[in-house]
């Protein structure tokens, strides 16, 4: 009896353990299925919650990326710092028209100091944002404001050059220091206004533990890209076309065709002598008119050369600006329509390449203006060679030599 009860108890325990084991296996299978389904809809280990892949760079790639970005950053700082020092400390360069160039250099210098280092570190570790959510909003505000200020200053410079060429008599009156200071202040205030909506709730930036991305709200994207790029680019292209057309018309007016040919006639005796005297008188009159023409042209040579120089300078500025920034802003405009307003579906390396191409414009700007501005070029050379003394005297001597050379040519 006791043995039968023991056997029945053992069988009950076995059935209970088998049921419990089956229940545990069933629960384990359900847990695994839930985990797999969650993994399918959530980002992978190397992805952020926004879907941007975090890249994993090797040591060689890190050295190359870090070296290139560091060189680009320091060259941008050095070039724009040279512009600021040159205009602020050289008396001849302290002109109202150069206030815009200083504003441009300050904007580009701010990009190199306050924006590029953080982007470099982020790119060096594969694109992951490690500076926190609060600083992300500050960083985006600085990035947008400085880049917009640089672009809009280029736009204002193109308008300023156009007015200097087409209205040479009234332009010096408008080109006062106070007027230029107001223009610079307006440019920076308008640039700052683009950064305010994400800070006050209109369009929130995409900001989590791994991603720091400007707001992808469609309305804000259209507003910011139009004000920061498309409108300034349209104005610059229009100003360049008008300056180019003015320079072309001026070149057509200054073409000298020379003396008209005198038909030769074969005559004999007194008729030939009379014809020779008439030809001589006509040539004397043509020489006099030609001399008056040269005299009038001498007065317009400086204007003509200034127009040609302005057209060439602005053409290179507009070309470099368009090549550097157009791809990035086309991508920024199309991204909300393609990827939605929550995240970015564009490959990270594409975004970064186009972003750094835009940043490269801040390095190109001081080089372009140095190439076409003799005084800036001379000042650069003296500062780099540590020849700080008598820079103003050297600039005056160079200007005098150029004036004498121009007078000798005319």
Protein backbone atom coordinates (compact mmCIF):
# COMPACT_ATOMS: atom_id res chain seq x y z
CA UNK A 1 0.00 0.00 0.00
CA UNK A 2 2.72 2.38 1.01
CA UNK A 3 4.75 1.49 -2.10
CA UNK A 4 1.76 2.12 -4.38
CA UNK A 5 1.20 5.51 -2.82
CA UNK A 6 4.87 6.32 -3.32
CA UNK A 7 4.66 5.31 -6.96
CA UNK A 8 1.54 7.44 -7.52
CA UNK A 9 3.26 10.42 -5.86
CA UNK A 10 6.35 10.01 -8.03
CA UNK A 11 4.23 9.84 -11.18
CA UNK A 12 2.39 13.02 -10.13
CA UNK A 13 5.65 14.81 -9.54
CA UNK A 14 6.96 13.73 -12.93
CA UNK A 15 3.80 14.94 -14.66
CA UNK A 16 4.04 18.24 -12.79
CA UNK A 17 7.71 18.70 -13.74
CA UNK A 18 6.98 17.86 -17.37
CA UNK A 19 4.12 20.39 -17.42
CA UNK A 20 6.31 22.99 -15.78
CA UNK A 21 9.11 22.30 -18.27
CA UNK A 22 6.74 22.61 -21.19
CA UNK A 23 5.41 25.89 -19.78
CA UNK A 24 8.94 27.21 -19.37
CA UNK A 25 9.85 26.22 -22.93
CA UNK A 26 6.67 27.87 -24.22
CA UNK A 27 7.42 31.07 -22.31
CA UNK A 28 11.02 31.05 -23.57
CA UNK A 29 9.85 30.67 -27.19
CA UNK A 30 7.39 33.55 -26.76
CA UNK A 31 10.10 35.74 -25.23
CA UNK A 32 12.48 34.99 -28.11
CA UNK A 33 9.78 35.77 -30.69
CA UNK A 34 9.01 39.07 -28.95
CA UNK A 35 12.70 39.98 -28.86
CA UNK A 36 13.15 39.19 -32.56
CA UNK A 37 10.10 41.22 -33.56
CA UNK A 38 11.31 44.16 -31.46
CA UNK A 39 14.74 43.90 -33.02
CA UNK A 40 13.23 44.08 -36.49
CA UNK A 41 11.56 47.43 -35.78
CA UNK A 42 14.24 48.98 -33.58
CA UNK A 43 17.68 50.23 -34.59
CA UNK A 44 20.64 47.91 -34.58
CA UNK A 45 23.54 48.22 -32.22
CA UNK A 46 25.39 50.64 -34.53
CA UNK A 47 22.28 52.70 -35.35
CA UNK A 48 20.65 55.54 -33.50
CA UNK A 49 16.96 55.68 -32.73
CA UNK A 50 16.69 58.02 -35.70
CA UNK A 51 18.10 55.56 -38.18
CA UNK A 52 21.41 57.29 -38.92
CA UNK A 53 24.13 54.68 -38.98
CA UNK A 54 27.05 55.21 -36.63
CA UNK A 55 30.16 54.48 -38.67
CA UNK A 56 33.03 52.46 -37.28
CA UNK A 57 36.40 53.80 -38.44
CA UNK A 58 39.69 51.97 -38.26
CA UNK A 59 42.85 53.55 -36.93
CA UNK A 60 44.13 54.51 -40.39
CA UNK A 61 40.80 56.08 -41.31
CA UNK A 62 40.74 58.03 -38.06
CA UNK A 63 44.22 59.40 -38.70
CA UNK A 64 43.34 60.45 -42.25
CA UNK A 65 39.99 62.01 -41.32
CA UNK A 66 41.41 63.75 -38.27
CA UNK A 67 44.41 65.09 -40.21
CA UNK A 68 42.35 66.47 -43.10
CA UNK A 69 39.72 68.08 -40.89
CA UNK A 70 42.33 69.55 -38.53
CA UNK A 71 44.31 71.09 -41.41
CA UNK A 72 41.13 72.51 -42.93
CA UNK A 73 40.09 74.00 -39.58
CA UNK A 74 43.45 75.62 -38.82
CA UNK A 75 43.84 77.01 -42.35
CA UNK A 76 40.39 78.58 -42.09
CA UNK A 77 41.26 80.12 -38.73
CA UNK A 78 44.60 81.45 -40.00
CA UNK A 79 43.26 82.90 -43.26
CA UNK A 80 40.34 84.75 -41.71
CA UNK A 81 42.40 85.89 -38.75
CA UNK A 82 44.82 87.50 -41.23
CA UNK A 83 41.93 89.44 -42.77
CA UNK A 84 40.72 90.74 -39.39
CA UNK A 85 44.22 91.74 -38.27
CA UNK A 86 45.01 93.40 -41.59
CA UNK A 87 41.92 95.59 -41.70
CA UNK A 88 41.87 96.43 -38.00
CA UNK A 89 45.54 97.35 -37.62
CA UNK A 90 46.53 98.76 -41.02
CA UNK A 91 45.41 102.34 -41.45
CA UNK A 92 44.98 102.29 -45.20
CA UNK A 93 42.62 99.31 -45.01
CA UNK A 94 40.32 100.96 -42.44
CA UNK A 95 37.75 101.93 -45.05
CA UNK A 96 33.96 101.56 -44.79
CA UNK A 97 33.88 99.19 -47.76
CA UNK A 98 36.19 96.82 -45.88
CA UNK A 99 33.76 96.56 -42.96
CA UNK A 100 31.87 93.97 -44.98
CA UNK A 101 35.04 91.98 -45.58
CA UNK A 102 35.76 92.03 -41.83
CA UNK A 103 32.20 90.88 -41.13
CA UNK A 104 32.67 88.04 -43.60
CA UNK A 105 35.99 87.08 -42.01
CA UNK A 106 34.44 87.15 -38.51
CA UNK A 107 31.60 84.88 -39.64
CA UNK A 108 34.01 82.43 -41.28
CA UNK A 109 36.33 82.60 -38.26
CA UNK A 110 33.38 81.82 -35.97
CA UNK A 111 32.57 78.76 -38.07
CA UNK A 112 36.16 77.55 -37.76
CA UNK A 113 36.37 78.14 -34.01
CA UNK A 114 32.86 77.35 -32.71
CA UNK A 115 31.55 74.80 -35.21
CA UNK A 116 34.27 72.88 -37.05
CA UNK A 117 35.98 71.35 -33.97
CA UNK A 118 32.76 69.72 -32.71
CA UNK A 119 31.87 68.45 -36.18
CA UNK A 120 35.41 67.08 -36.53
CA UNK A 121 35.20 65.16 -33.25
CA UNK A 122 31.75 63.83 -34.15
CA UNK A 123 32.96 62.65 -37.55
CA UNK A 124 36.09 61.16 -36.04
CA UNK A 125 34.08 58.82 -33.80
CA UNK A 126 31.73 57.79 -36.59
CA UNK A 127 28.99 60.43 -36.42
CA UNK A 128 27.73 59.91 -32.86
CA UNK A 129 26.90 63.10 -30.93
CA UNK A 130 28.53 62.96 -27.48
CA UNK A 131 28.14 66.52 -26.21
CA UNK A 132 24.65 66.25 -24.74
CA UNK A 133 21.18 67.39 -25.69
CA UNK A 134 21.44 70.91 -24.24
CA UNK A 135 24.62 71.77 -26.09
CA UNK A 136 23.14 70.29 -29.28
CA UNK A 137 20.66 73.18 -29.52
CA UNK A 138 23.42 75.71 -28.84
CA UNK A 139 25.66 74.11 -31.44
CA UNK A 140 22.95 74.09 -34.13
CA UNK A 141 22.15 77.75 -33.38
CA UNK A 142 25.81 78.74 -33.74
CA UNK A 143 26.23 76.70 -36.92
CA UNK A 144 23.14 78.15 -38.61
CA UNK A 145 23.83 81.73 -37.54
CA UNK A 146 27.50 81.82 -38.58
CA UNK A 147 26.95 80.08 -41.92
CA UNK A 148 23.99 82.33 -42.72
CA UNK A 149 25.95 85.45 -41.75
CA UNK A 150 28.79 84.39 -44.05
CA UNK A 151 26.44 83.76 -46.98
CA UNK A 152 24.43 86.95 -46.50
CA UNK A 153 27.59 89.04 -46.16
CA UNK A 154 28.74 87.71 -49.53
CA UNK A 155 25.37 88.79 -50.91
CA UNK A 156 25.71 92.31 -49.47
CA UNK A 157 29.27 92.57 -50.81
CA UNK A 158 28.00 91.79 -54.32
CA UNK A 159 25.37 94.55 -54.03
CA UNK A 160 28.01 96.95 -52.68
CA UNK A 161 30.33 96.23 -55.61
CA UNK A 162 27.48 96.70 -58.07
CA UNK A 163 26.57 100.10 -56.63
CA UNK A 164 30.22 101.15 -56.64
CA UNK A 165 30.46 100.37 -60.36
CA UNK A 166 27.12 101.69 -61.61
CA UNK A 167 26.85 104.76 -59.34
CA UNK A 168 30.41 106.01 -58.81
CA UNK A 169 29.29 109.59 -58.05
CA UNK A 170 26.69 108.88 -55.37
CA UNK A 171 28.30 105.74 -53.98
CA UNK A 172 30.93 107.48 -51.77
CA UNK A 173 28.16 109.48 -50.12
CA UNK A 174 26.25 106.33 -49.17
CA UNK A 175 29.42 104.47 -48.22
CA UNK A 176 29.83 105.94 -44.74
CA UNK A 177 31.07 104.08 -41.72
CA UNK A 178 27.75 104.39 -39.92
CA UNK A 179 25.82 103.07 -42.92
CA UNK A 180 28.12 100.06 -43.26
CA UNK A 181 27.88 99.34 -39.53
CA UNK A 182 24.08 99.32 -39.77
CA UNK A 183 24.23 96.93 -42.72
CA UNK A 184 26.56 94.57 -40.84
CA UNK A 185 24.28 94.67 -37.78
CA UNK A 186 21.22 93.92 -39.93
CA UNK A 187 22.97 90.94 -41.52
CA UNK A 188 23.82 89.40 -38.16
CA UNK A 189 20.35 90.04 -36.70
CA UNK A 190 18.68 88.43 -39.71
CA UNK A 191 21.06 85.48 -39.43
CA UNK A 192 20.23 85.10 -35.74
CA UNK A 193 16.50 85.18 -36.47
CA UNK A 194 16.78 81.90 -38.39
CA UNK A 195 18.10 80.15 -35.26
CA UNK A 196 15.24 81.26 -33.00
CA UNK A 197 12.30 79.02 -34.10
CA UNK A 198 13.84 75.73 -32.89
CA UNK A 199 14.70 77.36 -29.56
CA UNK A 200 11.15 78.61 -28.97
CA UNK A 201 9.16 75.59 -30.02
CA UNK A 202 8.16 76.22 -33.64
CA UNK A 203 10.34 73.42 -34.98
CA UNK A 204 12.26 71.21 -32.57
CA UNK A 205 15.68 69.90 -33.47
CA UNK A 206 16.20 66.14 -33.78
CA UNK A 207 18.07 65.58 -30.54
CA UNK A 208 18.69 62.31 -28.70
CA UNK A 209 21.66 60.56 -27.12
CA UNK A 210 23.35 59.85 -30.44
CA UNK A 211 22.02 62.31 -33.04
CA UNK A 212 22.12 66.10 -33.22
CA UNK A 213 20.24 67.26 -36.33
CA UNK A 214 18.56 70.52 -37.23
CA UNK A 215 14.77 70.49 -37.29
CA UNK A 216 13.28 68.68 -40.27
CA UNK A 217 9.95 70.52 -40.10
CA UNK A 218 8.91 71.23 -43.70
CA UNK A 219 7.84 74.83 -43.10
CA UNK A 220 10.96 75.71 -41.15
CA UNK A 221 13.19 73.99 -43.71
CA UNK A 222 11.71 76.02 -46.57
CA UNK A 223 11.97 79.26 -44.57
CA UNK A 224 15.53 78.72 -43.36
CA UNK A 225 16.98 77.51 -46.68
CA UNK A 226 15.28 80.30 -48.62
CA UNK A 227 16.55 83.07 -46.33
CA UNK A 228 19.97 81.55 -45.74
CA UNK A 229 20.79 80.47 -49.27
CA UNK A 230 18.36 80.65 -52.18
CA UNK A 231 17.50 84.37 -51.91
CA UNK A 232 21.15 85.47 -51.35
CA UNK A 233 22.32 83.27 -54.22
CA UNK A 234 19.70 84.76 -56.56
CA UNK A 235 20.78 88.30 -55.61
CA UNK A 236 24.45 87.45 -56.13
CA UNK A 237 23.79 85.96 -59.56
CA UNK A 238 21.77 89.02 -60.57
CA UNK A 239 24.49 91.42 -59.38
CA UNK A 240 27.17 89.45 -61.18
CA UNK A 241 25.17 89.49 -64.41
CA UNK A 242 24.66 93.25 -64.20
CA UNK A 243 28.32 93.97 -63.42
CA UNK A 244 29.40 91.65 -66.23
CA UNK A 245 27.06 93.40 -68.64
CA UNK A 246 28.32 96.84 -67.54
CA UNK A 247 31.94 95.73 -67.98
CA UNK A 248 31.15 94.32 -71.42
CA UNK A 249 29.49 97.55 -72.56
CA UNK A 250 32.39 99.56 -71.18
CA UNK A 251 34.86 97.36 -73.07
CA UNK A 252 32.94 97.92 -76.30
CA UNK A 253 33.09 101.70 -75.82
CA UNK A 254 36.85 101.69 -75.30
CA UNK A 255 37.77 99.78 -78.46
CA UNK A 256 40.00 101.94 -80.66
CA UNK A 257 39.82 101.07 -84.29
CA UNK A 258 42.76 103.17 -85.46
CA UNK A 259 43.06 105.36 -88.55
CA UNK A 260 40.82 104.77 -91.53
CA UNK A 261 42.69 103.92 -94.65
CA UNK A 262 43.14 106.57 -97.34
CA UNK A 263 42.55 105.40 -100.83
CA UNK A 264 45.61 105.87 -103.07
CA UNK A 265 45.21 107.55 -106.37
CA UNK A 266 47.70 107.65 -109.17
CA UNK A 267 47.81 111.14 -110.53
CA UNK A 268 50.48 113.21 -112.15
CA UNK A 269 51.61 116.82 -112.01
CA UNK A 270 49.80 119.45 -110.01
CA UNK A 271 46.72 117.22 -109.48
CA UNK A 272 48.90 114.74 -107.59
CA UNK A 273 50.38 117.52 -105.45
CA UNK A 274 46.93 118.84 -104.57
CA UNK A 275 45.78 115.29 -103.69
CA UNK A 276 48.85 114.80 -101.49
CA UNK A 277 48.19 118.08 -99.67
CA UNK A 278 44.57 117.08 -99.08
CA UNK A 279 45.62 113.70 -97.76
CA UNK A 280 48.14 115.35 -95.44
CA UNK A 281 45.51 117.74 -94.09
CA UNK A 282 43.08 114.88 -93.54
CA UNK A 283 45.71 112.87 -91.70
CA UNK A 284 46.50 115.86 -89.47
CA UNK A 285 42.80 116.19 -88.60
CA UNK A 286 42.60 112.46 -87.87
CA UNK A 287 45.67 112.68 -85.65
CA UNK A 288 44.06 115.51 -83.71
CA UNK A 289 40.80 113.61 -83.27
CA UNK A 290 42.72 110.47 -82.31
CA UNK A 291 44.66 112.45 -79.71
CA UNK A 292 41.43 113.80 -78.23
CA UNK A 293 40.07 110.27 -78.14
CA UNK A 294 43.10 109.03 -76.21
CA UNK A 295 42.80 111.97 -73.83
CA UNK A 296 39.20 111.10 -73.08
CA UNK A 297 40.06 107.42 -72.70
CA UNK A 298 42.73 108.20 -70.12
CA UNK A 299 40.03 109.57 -67.86
CA UNK A 300 38.01 106.36 -68.18
CA UNK A 301 40.81 103.80 -67.95
CA UNK A 302 40.60 103.52 -64.17
CA UNK A 303 36.82 103.07 -64.31
CA UNK A 304 37.17 100.49 -67.08
CA UNK A 305 39.78 98.48 -65.18
CA UNK A 306 37.76 98.70 -61.99
CA UNK A 307 34.72 97.28 -63.78
CA UNK A 308 36.76 94.43 -65.24
CA UNK A 309 38.31 93.66 -61.86
CA UNK A 310 34.95 93.75 -60.07
CA UNK A 311 33.41 91.43 -62.65
CA UNK A 312 36.29 88.95 -62.34
CA UNK A 313 36.32 89.03 -58.54
CA UNK A 314 32.57 88.66 -58.16
CA UNK A 315 32.49 85.91 -60.77
CA UNK A 316 35.00 83.82 -58.83
CA UNK A 317 33.25 84.55 -55.53
CA UNK A 318 29.84 83.53 -56.89
CA UNK A 319 31.28 80.46 -58.58
CA UNK A 320 33.08 79.23 -55.45
CA UNK A 321 30.05 79.99 -53.29
CA UNK A 322 27.69 78.07 -55.57
CA UNK A 323 29.97 75.03 -55.89
CA UNK A 324 30.51 74.83 -52.12
CA UNK A 325 26.99 75.42 -50.77
CA UNK A 326 24.48 74.48 -53.49
CA UNK A 327 24.75 70.65 -53.07
CA UNK A 328 24.31 70.89 -49.30
CA UNK A 329 21.23 73.12 -49.46
CA UNK A 330 19.64 71.03 -52.18
CA UNK A 331 20.02 68.01 -49.90
CA UNK A 332 18.73 69.93 -46.87
CA UNK A 333 15.65 71.09 -48.78
CA UNK A 334 14.80 67.67 -50.18
CA UNK A 335 15.51 65.65 -47.02
CA UNK A 336 12.21 66.32 -45.14
CA UNK A 337 10.20 65.39 -48.22
CA UNK A 338 12.16 62.16 -48.73
CA UNK A 339 12.86 61.01 -45.18
CA UNK A 340 10.05 62.64 -43.20
CA UNK A 341 10.23 65.16 -40.39
CA UNK A 342 11.49 62.84 -37.64
CA UNK A 343 14.85 61.63 -38.92
CA UNK A 344 17.34 61.60 -41.76
CA UNK A 345 17.56 58.64 -44.10
CA UNK A 346 20.51 60.06 -46.07
CA UNK A 347 23.81 58.15 -45.66
CA UNK A 348 25.92 59.85 -43.04
CA UNK A 349 29.01 60.09 -45.22
CA UNK A 350 27.04 61.96 -47.91
CA UNK A 351 25.73 64.50 -45.39
CA UNK A 352 29.18 65.05 -43.90
CA UNK A 353 30.93 65.40 -47.23
CA UNK A 354 28.48 68.05 -48.45
CA UNK A 355 28.61 69.83 -45.08
CA UNK A 356 32.40 70.08 -45.14
CA UNK A 357 32.27 71.19 -48.77
CA UNK A 358 30.17 74.12 -47.57
CA UNK A 359 32.57 74.82 -44.70
CA UNK A 360 35.41 74.94 -47.24
CA UNK A 361 33.89 78.16 -48.59
CA UNK A 362 35.02 79.83 -45.35
CA UNK A 363 38.60 78.90 -46.27
CA UNK A 364 38.28 80.05 -49.88
CA UNK A 365 36.86 83.53 -49.16
CA UNK A 366 40.02 85.16 -47.70
CA UNK A 367 42.11 83.63 -50.49
CA UNK A 368 39.88 85.08 -53.21
CA UNK A 369 39.87 88.59 -51.78
CA UNK A 370 43.63 88.50 -51.26
CA UNK A 371 44.16 87.53 -54.91
CA UNK A 372 42.20 90.53 -56.18
CA UNK A 373 43.13 93.09 -53.52
CA UNK A 374 46.70 94.32 -53.78
CA UNK A 375 46.68 96.00 -50.36
CA UNK A 376 45.43 92.86 -48.61
CA UNK A 377 47.96 90.75 -50.47
CA UNK A 378 50.83 93.06 -49.48
CA UNK A 379 49.66 93.15 -45.87
CA UNK A 380 49.41 89.35 -45.74
CA UNK A 381 52.97 89.03 -47.01
CA UNK A 382 54.37 91.49 -44.47
CA UNK A 383 52.52 89.91 -41.54
CA UNK A 384 53.55 86.36 -42.47
CA UNK A 385 57.16 87.51 -42.82
CA UNK A 386 56.93 89.32 -39.45
CA UNK A 387 57.55 92.69 -41.08
CA UNK A 388 55.12 94.64 -38.93
CA UNK A 389 56.84 98.01 -39.05
CA UNK A 390 56.01 100.60 -41.70
CA UNK A 391 53.28 98.51 -43.37
CA UNK A 392 51.28 101.65 -44.12
CA UNK A 393 54.31 103.30 -45.73
CA UNK A 394 54.91 100.22 -47.86
CA UNK A 395 51.29 100.20 -49.01
CA UNK A 396 51.53 103.87 -49.97
CA UNK A 397 54.71 103.19 -51.93
CA UNK A 398 53.08 100.30 -53.79
CA UNK A 399 50.05 102.46 -54.61
CA UNK A 400 52.31 105.22 -55.94
CA UNK A 401 54.18 102.75 -58.13
CA UNK A 402 50.93 101.41 -59.54
CA UNK A 403 49.70 104.94 -60.27
CA UNK A 404 52.94 105.87 -62.05
CA UNK A 405 52.84 102.64 -64.01
CA UNK A 406 49.27 103.28 -65.11
CA UNK A 407 50.15 106.84 -66.10
CA UNK A 408 53.11 105.61 -68.11
CA UNK A 409 50.95 103.13 -69.98
CA UNK A 410 48.40 105.78 -70.92
